[in-house]
């Protein structure tokens, strides 16, 4: 898909896609947790300088990763991801209202497909 312009999802018929940073969320959370734990240990040992140095270093690493990482397109309906597409920014960022509409649609379809329990 490198260099292709994507108008709609290739997996499902949805044309609603959003742009997001192509960054693993688990790595971001792990970075924050490691920085918090390391700075807490330094704080517990009365190392104020190292406490703030660790916090600022963690924030700097996070900022550099944010600036370096590319973007990807994600489908609201099936969560398919597309990397390397052209004009990603024209799809816009995440919209909670659109996401919620698709989440509720998926929940209703799941309820319909589940057989009713007999009493």
Protein backbone atom coordinates (compact mmCIF):
# COMPACT_ATOMS: atom_id res chain seq x y z
CA UNK A 1 0.00 0.00 0.00
CA UNK A 2 3.00 2.32 0.11
CA UNK A 3 2.16 5.61 -1.59
CA UNK A 4 -1.46 4.75 -2.38
CA UNK A 5 -4.35 7.10 -1.69
CA UNK A 6 -6.98 5.36 0.42
CA UNK A 7 -10.57 6.57 0.12
CA UNK A 8 -12.32 3.73 1.96
CA UNK A 9 -11.46 0.66 3.99
CA UNK A 10 -10.29 -2.28 1.90
CA UNK A 11 -11.61 -4.81 4.46
CA UNK A 12 -15.13 -3.51 5.07
CA UNK A 13 -17.32 -1.05 3.11
CA UNK A 14 -16.74 1.86 5.51
CA UNK A 15 -15.44 5.17 4.19
CA UNK A 16 -14.84 6.62 7.66
CA UNK A 17 -11.16 6.49 8.55
CA UNK A 18 -9.09 8.52 10.99
CA UNK A 19 -5.42 9.46 11.15
CA UNK A 20 -3.36 8.53 14.20
CA UNK A 21 0.26 8.25 15.20
CA UNK A 22 1.66 4.87 14.24
CA UNK A 23 3.03 4.18 17.71
CA UNK A 24 2.50 1.10 19.87
CA UNK A 25 0.46 2.20 22.89
CA UNK A 26 1.96 -0.49 25.12
CA UNK A 27 5.42 0.96 24.53
CA UNK A 28 4.19 4.43 25.46
CA UNK A 29 2.59 3.19 28.66
CA UNK A 30 5.71 1.16 29.52
CA UNK A 31 7.87 4.26 29.04
CA UNK A 32 5.68 6.29 31.41
CA UNK A 33 5.60 3.51 34.03
CA UNK A 34 9.38 3.01 33.92
CA UNK A 35 9.95 6.76 34.26
CA UNK A 36 7.50 6.98 37.16
CA UNK A 37 9.00 4.00 39.03
CA UNK A 38 12.60 5.14 38.47
CA UNK A 39 11.84 8.70 39.59
CA UNK A 40 9.95 7.39 42.63
CA UNK A 41 12.96 5.31 43.66
CA UNK A 42 15.20 8.36 43.27
CA UNK A 43 12.73 10.46 45.28
CA UNK A 44 12.60 7.83 48.05
CA UNK A 45 16.40 8.01 48.26
CA UNK A 46 16.28 11.83 48.54
CA UNK A 47 17.88 12.29 45.11
CA UNK A 48 15.87 15.30 43.99
CA UNK A 49 18.14 16.10 41.05
CA UNK A 50 17.92 12.53 39.68
CA UNK A 51 14.17 12.46 40.26
CA UNK A 52 13.59 15.42 37.98
CA UNK A 53 16.32 14.35 35.55
CA UNK A 54 14.55 11.01 35.06
CA UNK A 55 11.16 12.71 34.59
CA UNK A 56 12.52 15.19 32.05
CA UNK A 57 14.45 12.45 30.22
CA UNK A 58 11.28 10.38 30.00
CA UNK A 59 9.35 13.35 28.64
CA UNK A 60 12.13 14.08 26.13
CA UNK A 61 12.16 10.47 24.86
CA UNK A 62 8.37 10.61 24.53
CA UNK A 63 8.57 13.90 22.58
CA UNK A 64 11.26 12.56 20.23
CA UNK A 65 9.25 9.40 19.55
CA UNK A 66 6.14 11.51 18.87
CA UNK A 67 8.02 13.64 16.35
CA UNK A 68 9.76 10.71 14.64
CA UNK A 69 6.85 8.29 14.33
CA UNK A 70 4.76 8.40 11.17
CA UNK A 71 1.00 8.28 10.88
CA UNK A 72 -1.42 5.58 9.86
CA UNK A 73 -5.08 5.38 8.91
CA UNK A 74 -7.46 3.32 11.02
CA UNK A 75 -10.98 2.24 10.11
CA UNK A 76 -13.65 3.06 12.69
CA UNK A 77 -15.68 -0.02 11.81
CA UNK A 78 -13.20 -2.91 11.58
CA UNK A 79 -10.05 -1.25 13.01
CA UNK A 80 -7.95 -2.10 9.93
CA UNK A 81 -4.76 -0.04 9.78
CA UNK A 82 -3.09 1.39 6.68
CA UNK A 83 0.48 2.67 6.71
CA UNK A 84 2.28 4.67 4.06
CA UNK A 85 -0.83 6.09 2.43
CA UNK A 86 -0.86 9.50 0.79
CA UNK A 87 -2.83 12.44 2.16
CA UNK A 88 -3.48 10.84 5.54
CA UNK A 89 -4.18 14.21 7.17
CA UNK A 90 -7.27 14.85 4.99
CA UNK A 91 -9.13 12.10 6.88
CA UNK A 92 -8.81 14.02 10.13
CA UNK A 93 -8.11 12.81 13.62
CA UNK A 94 -10.09 10.57 15.93
CA UNK A 95 -13.72 11.58 16.43
CA UNK A 96 -15.37 10.19 19.55
CA UNK A 97 -18.89 10.58 18.17
CA UNK A 98 -18.08 8.48 15.08
CA UNK A 99 -16.27 5.90 17.19
CA UNK A 100 -19.21 5.62 19.58
CA UNK A 101 -21.66 5.18 16.70
CA UNK A 102 -19.67 2.22 15.35
CA UNK A 103 -19.16 0.79 18.86
CA UNK A 104 -22.90 0.83 19.51
CA UNK A 105 -23.59 -0.68 16.09
CA UNK A 106 -21.19 -3.54 16.85
CA UNK A 107 -22.85 -4.09 20.25
CA UNK A 108 -26.33 -4.22 18.67
CA UNK A 109 -25.16 -6.69 16.00
CA UNK A 110 -23.57 -8.85 18.69
CA UNK A 111 -26.81 -8.84 20.72
CA UNK A 112 -28.82 -9.87 17.65
CA UNK A 113 -26.49 -12.74 16.82
CA UNK A 114 -26.53 -14.10 20.38
CA UNK A 115 -29.41 -16.54 20.88
CA UNK A 116 -31.82 -15.52 23.63
CA UNK A 117 -31.51 -17.55 26.83
CA UNK A 118 -34.53 -19.66 27.64
CA UNK A 119 -35.88 -19.54 31.15
